[in-house]
Amino acid sequence: MIQLRDVVVEYPRPDGSRIRAVDGVTLDIREGELVGLIGPNGCGKSTLVRCFNALIRPTKGVVLVDGLDTRDPRCVLEIRRRVGMVFQNPDNQIVSTTVEREVAFGLENLGLAPREMRSRVEEVLERFRLREYRHHPPHLLSGGEKQRLAIASVVAMRPRYLIFDEPTSVLDPAGRAEVLALVQELAEEDPQRSIVFITQFPEEVESFPRLLVMRQGKVLLDGEPKGIFAQVDMLLRIGLEPPVEYLAESLWAKSPLAERERSEAEKGLGNDDQTEFGSIPSGERPKPIP
């Protein structure tokens, strides 16, 4: 389990003051959870998840990964073995000259035996459809292929926790769909693996069991996506747009026709709507766009 208790992260400003990027967050990421994380730009999402693997250490508060304290230098290596991260731009994560060497890079840092290393490299090259590119320089790959390589390199190290920091933001729709399918597959194959997925696109996490919404460094909402996305007005006020079906439902609920339907239902006038153009049978009323 990843446990955060009253976590605060502050950065100094040039004028000597401090900006608070994470503001008193208390949170648990439990074993086997698939968690979405959304919020307006600059709300602290990336800063928060970088605390999970000790890339950032809290100014105040405690972050524990399976009981290991990220503030303890003796624990950092083991924490980073357990918590793998995929960043927004794969070009910032890829360091090797060939696809094969990139996958092997993290395994070498883990100190694996050569035989085990070769086995894992072959496994992920096949799984992530990168075998034909094994000797290619990564910079020649497409955006989607680079992101597959970044994910493959992290998965090869078999971390208990996988953190995805907006991995679809620079991809086209086909690349986004491919990455989302990989994330769902990774979640389903290992019931003990925990995944946290940050995105700019709320519809990408609509099917997740749990969703976090951040604003101004705080976790504003924590629950099932359906209940959170139903709070359309509140999400729009903080700069988030829920999936289109929730917007459509909200617009329909505020329309004059919906108001008339509710009024007549309260008066018990029957199942048909009376309008200036005649009656509208209940089965033919406009529905929200799916």
Protein backbone atom coordinates (compact mmCIF):
# COMPACT_ATOMS: atom_id res chain seq x y z
CA MET A 1 0.00 0.00 0.00
CA ILE A 2 1.08 3.57 -0.70
CA GLN A 3 0.11 5.80 2.23
CA LEU A 4 0.21 9.58 2.31
CA ARG A 5 -0.42 11.43 5.54
CA ASP A 6 -0.82 15.23 5.55
CA VAL A 7 1.62 15.58 2.66
CA VAL A 8 2.72 19.10 1.75
CA VAL A 9 5.12 19.98 -1.08
CA GLU A 10 6.37 23.55 -1.39
CA TYR A 11 8.71 25.20 -3.90
CA PRO A 12 10.62 28.46 -3.42
CA ARG A 13 9.76 31.47 -5.59
CA PRO A 14 12.40 33.91 -6.87
CA ASP A 15 11.10 36.56 -4.46
CA GLY A 16 11.78 34.31 -1.48
CA SER A 17 8.17 33.27 -0.88
CA ARG A 18 6.99 29.70 -1.33
CA ILE A 19 4.33 28.12 -3.54
CA ARG A 20 2.42 25.12 -2.21
CA ALA A 21 1.99 22.50 -4.97
CA VAL A 22 0.52 19.78 -2.74
CA ASP A 23 -1.50 20.93 0.23
CA GLY A 24 -2.16 18.52 3.08
CA VAL A 25 -3.05 15.37 1.12
CA THR A 26 -3.96 12.21 3.04
CA LEU A 27 -4.51 9.24 0.74
CA ASP A 28 -4.15 5.46 0.41
CA ILE A 29 -3.47 3.54 -2.81
CA ARG A 30 -4.37 -0.02 -1.94
CA GLU A 31 -3.16 -3.27 -3.45
CA GLY A 32 -4.71 -4.07 -6.82
CA GLU A 33 -6.43 -0.70 -7.28
CA LEU A 34 -6.91 1.00 -10.65
CA VAL A 35 -7.14 4.70 -9.87
CA GLY A 36 -7.70 7.64 -12.21
CA LEU A 37 -6.42 11.11 -11.34
CA ILE A 38 -7.67 14.28 -13.06
CA GLY A 39 -7.55 17.99 -12.35
CA PRO A 40 -6.92 21.37 -13.97
CA ASN A 41 -3.43 22.19 -15.21
CA GLY A 42 -1.16 23.22 -12.36
CA CYS A 43 -3.25 21.59 -9.63
CA GLY A 44 -0.39 19.38 -8.37
CA LYS A 45 -1.14 16.00 -9.99
CA SER A 46 2.38 15.32 -11.27
CA THR A 47 3.99 16.62 -8.10
CA LEU A 48 1.78 14.34 -6.02
CA VAL A 49 2.61 11.13 -7.89
CA ARG A 50 6.32 11.93 -7.94
CA CYS A 51 6.13 11.65 -4.16
CA PHE A 52 5.12 8.00 -4.58
CA ASN A 53 8.59 6.90 -5.71
CA ALA A 54 10.70 9.50 -3.91
CA LEU A 55 11.43 11.61 -6.98
CA ILE A 56 10.04 14.37 -4.77
CA ARG A 57 10.17 14.24 -1.00
CA PRO A 58 7.48 16.04 0.97
CA THR A 59 8.18 19.33 2.69
CA LYS A 60 5.87 18.12 5.45
CA GLY A 61 4.03 14.88 6.08
CA VAL A 62 4.85 11.25 5.36
CA VAL A 63 4.79 8.99 2.28
CA LEU A 64 5.10 5.26 2.93
CA VAL A 65 5.44 2.58 0.24
CA ASP A 66 4.76 -0.80 1.81
CA GLY A 67 5.96 0.72 5.06
CA LEU A 68 9.13 2.22 3.54
CA ASP A 69 9.54 5.94 4.22
CA THR A 70 10.47 8.02 1.15
CA ARG A 71 12.37 10.43 3.43
CA ASP A 72 14.85 7.69 4.39
CA PRO A 73 17.75 7.56 1.88
CA ARG A 74 18.29 3.89 2.75
CA CYS A 75 14.80 3.06 1.41
CA VAL A 76 14.88 4.99 -1.86
CA LEU A 77 16.35 2.24 -4.07
CA GLU A 78 13.82 -0.34 -2.89
CA ILE A 79 10.95 2.14 -3.24
CA ARG A 80 11.94 2.78 -6.85
CA ARG A 81 12.06 -0.96 -7.49
CA ARG A 82 8.46 -1.15 -6.34
CA VAL A 83 7.06 2.00 -7.94
CA GLY A 84 7.53 2.34 -11.70
CA MET A 85 6.62 5.51 -13.57
CA VAL A 86 5.76 6.29 -17.19
CA PHE A 87 6.04 9.98 -18.05
CA GLN A 88 4.05 12.21 -20.34
CA ASN A 89 6.71 12.52 -23.05
CA PRO A 90 8.57 9.26 -23.81
CA ASP A 91 11.48 11.24 -25.26
CA ASN A 92 12.22 12.41 -21.71
CA GLN A 93 12.38 8.82 -20.48
CA ILE A 94 14.22 6.97 -23.27
CA VAL A 95 18.01 7.00 -22.86
CA SER A 96 19.45 4.16 -24.97
CA THR A 97 20.52 3.88 -28.60
CA THR A 98 18.35 0.87 -29.55
CA VAL A 99 14.96 -0.45 -28.51
CA GLU A 100 16.49 -3.63 -27.08
CA ARG A 101 19.05 -1.70 -25.04
CA GLU A 102 16.32 0.59 -23.70
CA VAL A 103 14.35 -2.35 -22.29
CA ALA A 104 17.54 -3.81 -20.80
CA PHE A 105 18.66 -0.54 -19.21
CA GLY A 106 16.41 -0.71 -16.16
CA LEU A 107 17.07 -4.42 -15.71
CA GLU A 108 20.81 -3.78 -15.60
CA ASN A 109 20.24 -1.21 -12.88
CA LEU A 110 18.34 -3.85 -10.91
CA GLY A 111 21.41 -6.10 -11.09
CA LEU A 112 19.61 -9.04 -12.71
CA ALA A 113 21.57 -12.04 -13.94
CA PRO A 114 22.17 -11.96 -17.73
CA ARG A 115 19.96 -14.99 -18.37
CA GLU A 116 17.01 -13.47 -16.49
CA MET A 117 17.59 -10.15 -18.22
CA ARG A 118 17.50 -11.71 -21.70
CA SER A 119 14.33 -13.59 -20.81
CA ARG A 120 12.52 -10.44 -19.69
CA VAL A 121 13.69 -8.44 -22.70
CA GLU A 122 12.35 -11.08 -25.08
CA GLU A 123 9.10 -11.28 -23.14
CA VAL A 124 8.27 -7.58 -23.29
CA LEU A 125 9.49 -7.07 -26.86
CA GLU A 126 7.00 -9.74 -27.92
CA ARG A 127 4.21 -8.56 -25.68
CA PHE A 128 4.42 -4.89 -26.70
CA ARG A 129 4.91 -5.68 -30.40
CA LEU A 130 8.42 -4.25 -30.50
CA ARG A 131 10.39 -7.30 -31.59
CA GLU A 132 10.80 -6.11 -35.17
CA TYR A 133 12.22 -2.81 -33.90
CA ARG A 134 14.67 -4.31 -31.43
CA HIS A 135 17.75 -2.93 -33.23
CA HIS A 136 16.12 0.36 -34.27
CA PRO A 137 17.10 3.68 -32.65
CA PRO A 138 14.14 4.78 -30.51
CA HIS A 139 14.02 8.23 -32.10
CA LEU A 140 12.89 6.61 -35.37
CA LEU A 141 9.74 5.19 -33.76
CA SER A 142 6.34 6.82 -33.94
CA GLY A 143 4.89 8.56 -30.88
CA GLY A 144 2.72 5.57 -30.02
CA GLU A 145 5.62 3.14 -30.47
CA LYS A 146 7.83 5.27 -28.23
CA GLN A 147 5.20 5.24 -25.51
CA ARG A 148 4.86 1.45 -25.88
CA LEU A 149 8.62 1.22 -25.44
CA ALA A 150 8.53 3.40 -22.32
CA ILE A 151 5.77 1.24 -20.83
CA ALA A 152 7.56 -1.98 -21.81
CA SER A 153 10.77 -0.81 -20.15
CA VAL A 154 8.96 -0.14 -16.88
CA VAL A 155 6.85 -3.32 -16.97
CA ALA A 156 10.01 -5.40 -17.56
CA MET A 157 11.17 -4.39 -14.07
CA ARG A 158 7.92 -5.83 -12.61
CA PRO A 159 7.06 -3.08 -10.14
CA ARG A 160 4.18 -3.51 -7.69
CA TYR A 161 2.87 -0.05 -8.51
CA LEU A 162 2.62 1.56 -11.95
CA ILE A 163 2.21 5.32 -12.22
CA PHE A 164 1.19 6.81 -15.58
CA ASP A 165 1.67 10.58 -15.75
CA GLU A 166 -0.49 11.73 -18.70
CA PRO A 167 0.94 9.11 -21.10
CA THR A 168 -1.69 9.84 -23.78
CA SER A 169 -1.47 13.63 -23.89
CA VAL A 170 0.90 13.80 -26.88
CA LEU A 171 -0.67 10.90 -28.82
CA ASP A 172 -3.24 10.80 -31.61
CA PRO A 173 -6.58 9.02 -30.99
CA ALA A 174 -5.24 5.67 -32.21
CA GLY A 175 -2.20 5.93 -29.94
CA ARG A 176 -4.37 6.93 -27.00
CA ALA A 177 -6.65 3.93 -27.51
CA GLU A 178 -3.64 1.62 -27.71
CA VAL A 179 -2.14 2.89 -24.46
CA LEU A 180 -5.50 2.67 -22.65
CA ALA A 181 -5.93 -0.92 -23.81
CA LEU A 182 -2.46 -1.74 -22.45
CA VAL A 183 -3.29 -0.16 -19.10
CA GLN A 184 -6.52 -2.14 -18.79
CA GLU A 185 -4.66 -5.32 -19.72
CA LEU A 186 -1.97 -4.66 -17.11
CA ALA A 187 -4.64 -4.06 -14.47
CA GLU A 188 -6.52 -7.26 -15.28
CA GLU A 189 -3.55 -9.62 -15.52
CA ASP A 190 -2.25 -9.09 -11.99
CA PRO A 191 -4.81 -8.54 -9.20
CA GLN A 192 -2.03 -7.38 -6.85
CA ARG A 193 -0.67 -4.65 -9.14
CA SER A 194 -1.82 -1.11 -8.38
CA ILE A 195 -2.09 1.47 -11.16
CA VAL A 196 -2.51 5.24 -10.93
CA PHE A 197 -3.33 6.93 -14.23
CA ILE A 198 -3.22 10.71 -14.70
CA THR A 199 -4.99 12.09 -17.75
CA GLN A 200 -6.23 15.30 -19.35
CA PHE A 201 -9.14 13.37 -20.86
CA PRO A 202 -11.78 12.43 -18.25
CA GLU A 203 -13.44 9.94 -20.61
CA GLU A 204 -10.27 7.80 -20.41
CA VAL A 205 -10.92 6.99 -16.75
CA GLU A 206 -14.72 6.74 -16.91
CA SER A 207 -14.61 2.94 -16.50
CA PHE A 208 -12.07 2.96 -13.63
CA PRO A 209 -13.30 1.78 -10.22
CA ARG A 210 -11.90 4.85 -8.44
CA LEU A 211 -11.29 8.46 -9.44
CA LEU A 212 -9.45 11.29 -7.69
CA VAL A 213 -10.01 14.94 -8.58
CA MET A 214 -7.39 17.51 -7.55
CA ARG A 215 -7.65 21.27 -7.32
CA GLN A 216 -5.10 23.74 -5.95
CA GLY A 217 -2.95 21.01 -4.41
CA LYS A 218 -5.79 19.25 -2.61
CA VAL A 219 -7.76 16.07 -3.36
CA LEU A 220 -11.21 17.58 -3.88
CA LEU A 221 -13.13 14.40 -4.74
CA ASP A 222 -12.43 10.69 -4.24
CA GLY A 223 -14.94 8.07 -5.37
CA GLU A 224 -16.56 6.26 -8.27
CA PRO A 225 -16.36 8.12 -11.60
CA LYS A 226 -20.11 7.93 -12.19
CA GLY A 227 -20.91 9.88 -9.04
CA ILE A 228 -18.12 12.38 -9.62
CA PHE A 229 -18.92 13.06 -13.28
CA ALA A 230 -22.58 13.60 -12.38
CA GLN A 231 -21.48 16.76 -10.53
CA VAL A 232 -21.27 18.62 -13.83
CA ASP A 233 -21.66 22.20 -12.58
CA MET A 234 -18.99 21.79 -9.93
CA LEU A 235 -16.52 20.22 -12.37
CA LEU A 236 -17.08 23.00 -14.91
CA ARG A 237 -16.48 25.63 -12.21
CA ILE A 238 -13.02 24.20 -11.49
CA GLY A 239 -12.12 23.95 -15.18
CA LEU A 240 -12.89 20.30 -15.92
CA GLU A 241 -15.26 19.02 -18.57
CA PRO A 242 -16.85 15.65 -17.78
CA PRO A 243 -17.52 13.06 -20.51
CA VAL A 244 -20.08 14.18 -23.08
CA GLU A 245 -22.92 11.95 -21.87
CA TYR A 246 -22.86 13.66 -18.47
CA LEU A 247 -22.85 17.09 -20.11
CA ALA A 248 -25.79 16.07 -22.28
CA GLU A 249 -27.73 14.74 -19.31
CA SER A 250 -27.09 17.97 -17.42
CA LEU A 251 -28.24 20.12 -20.35
CA TRP A 252 -31.38 18.01 -20.79
CA ALA A 253 -32.21 18.29 -17.08
CA LYS A 254 -32.07 22.10 -17.35
CA SER A 255 -34.12 22.34 -20.57
CA PRO A 256 -37.68 23.76 -20.60
CA LEU A 257 -39.04 20.48 -21.92
CA ALA A 258 -37.51 18.52 -19.04
CA GLU A 259 -38.86 21.07 -16.58
CA ARG A 260 -42.33 20.75 -18.11
CA GLU A 261 -42.08 16.96 -17.92
CA ARG A 262 -41.22 17.13 -14.25
CA SER A 263 -44.00 19.61 -13.56
CA GLU A 264 -46.62 17.49 -15.29
CA ALA A 265 -45.36 14.36 -13.57
CA GLU A 266 -45.84 16.07 -10.24
CA LYS A 267 -49.38 17.09 -11.25
CA GLY A 268 -50.15 13.59 -12.48
CA LEU A 269 -51.17 14.68 -15.97
CA GLY A 270 -50.20 11.42 -17.64
CA ASN A 271 -47.32 10.09 -19.65
CA ASP A 272 -47.50 12.46 -22.64
CA ASP A 273 -46.05 15.98 -22.81
CA GLN A 274 -48.44 18.68 -24.00
CA THR A 275 -46.73 21.39 -26.05
CA GLU A 276 -47.92 24.23 -28.27
CA PHE A 277 -47.41 21.83 -31.18
CA GLY A 278 -49.45 19.04 -29.65
CA SER A 279 -48.56 16.11 -27.47
CA ILE A 280 -45.22 14.33 -27.42
CA PRO A 281 -45.56 10.67 -26.44
CA SER A 282 -43.21 9.76 -23.62
CA GLY A 283 -41.42 7.21 -25.77
CA GLU A 284 -40.49 9.92 -28.29
CA ARG A 285 -39.02 12.48 -25.96
CA PRO A 286 -35.52 13.72 -26.80
CA LYS A 287 -32.79 11.79 -25.05
CA PRO A 288 -29.25 12.85 -24.20
CA ILE A 289 -26.73 12.15 -26.94
CA PRO A 290 -24.89 8.91 -26.02
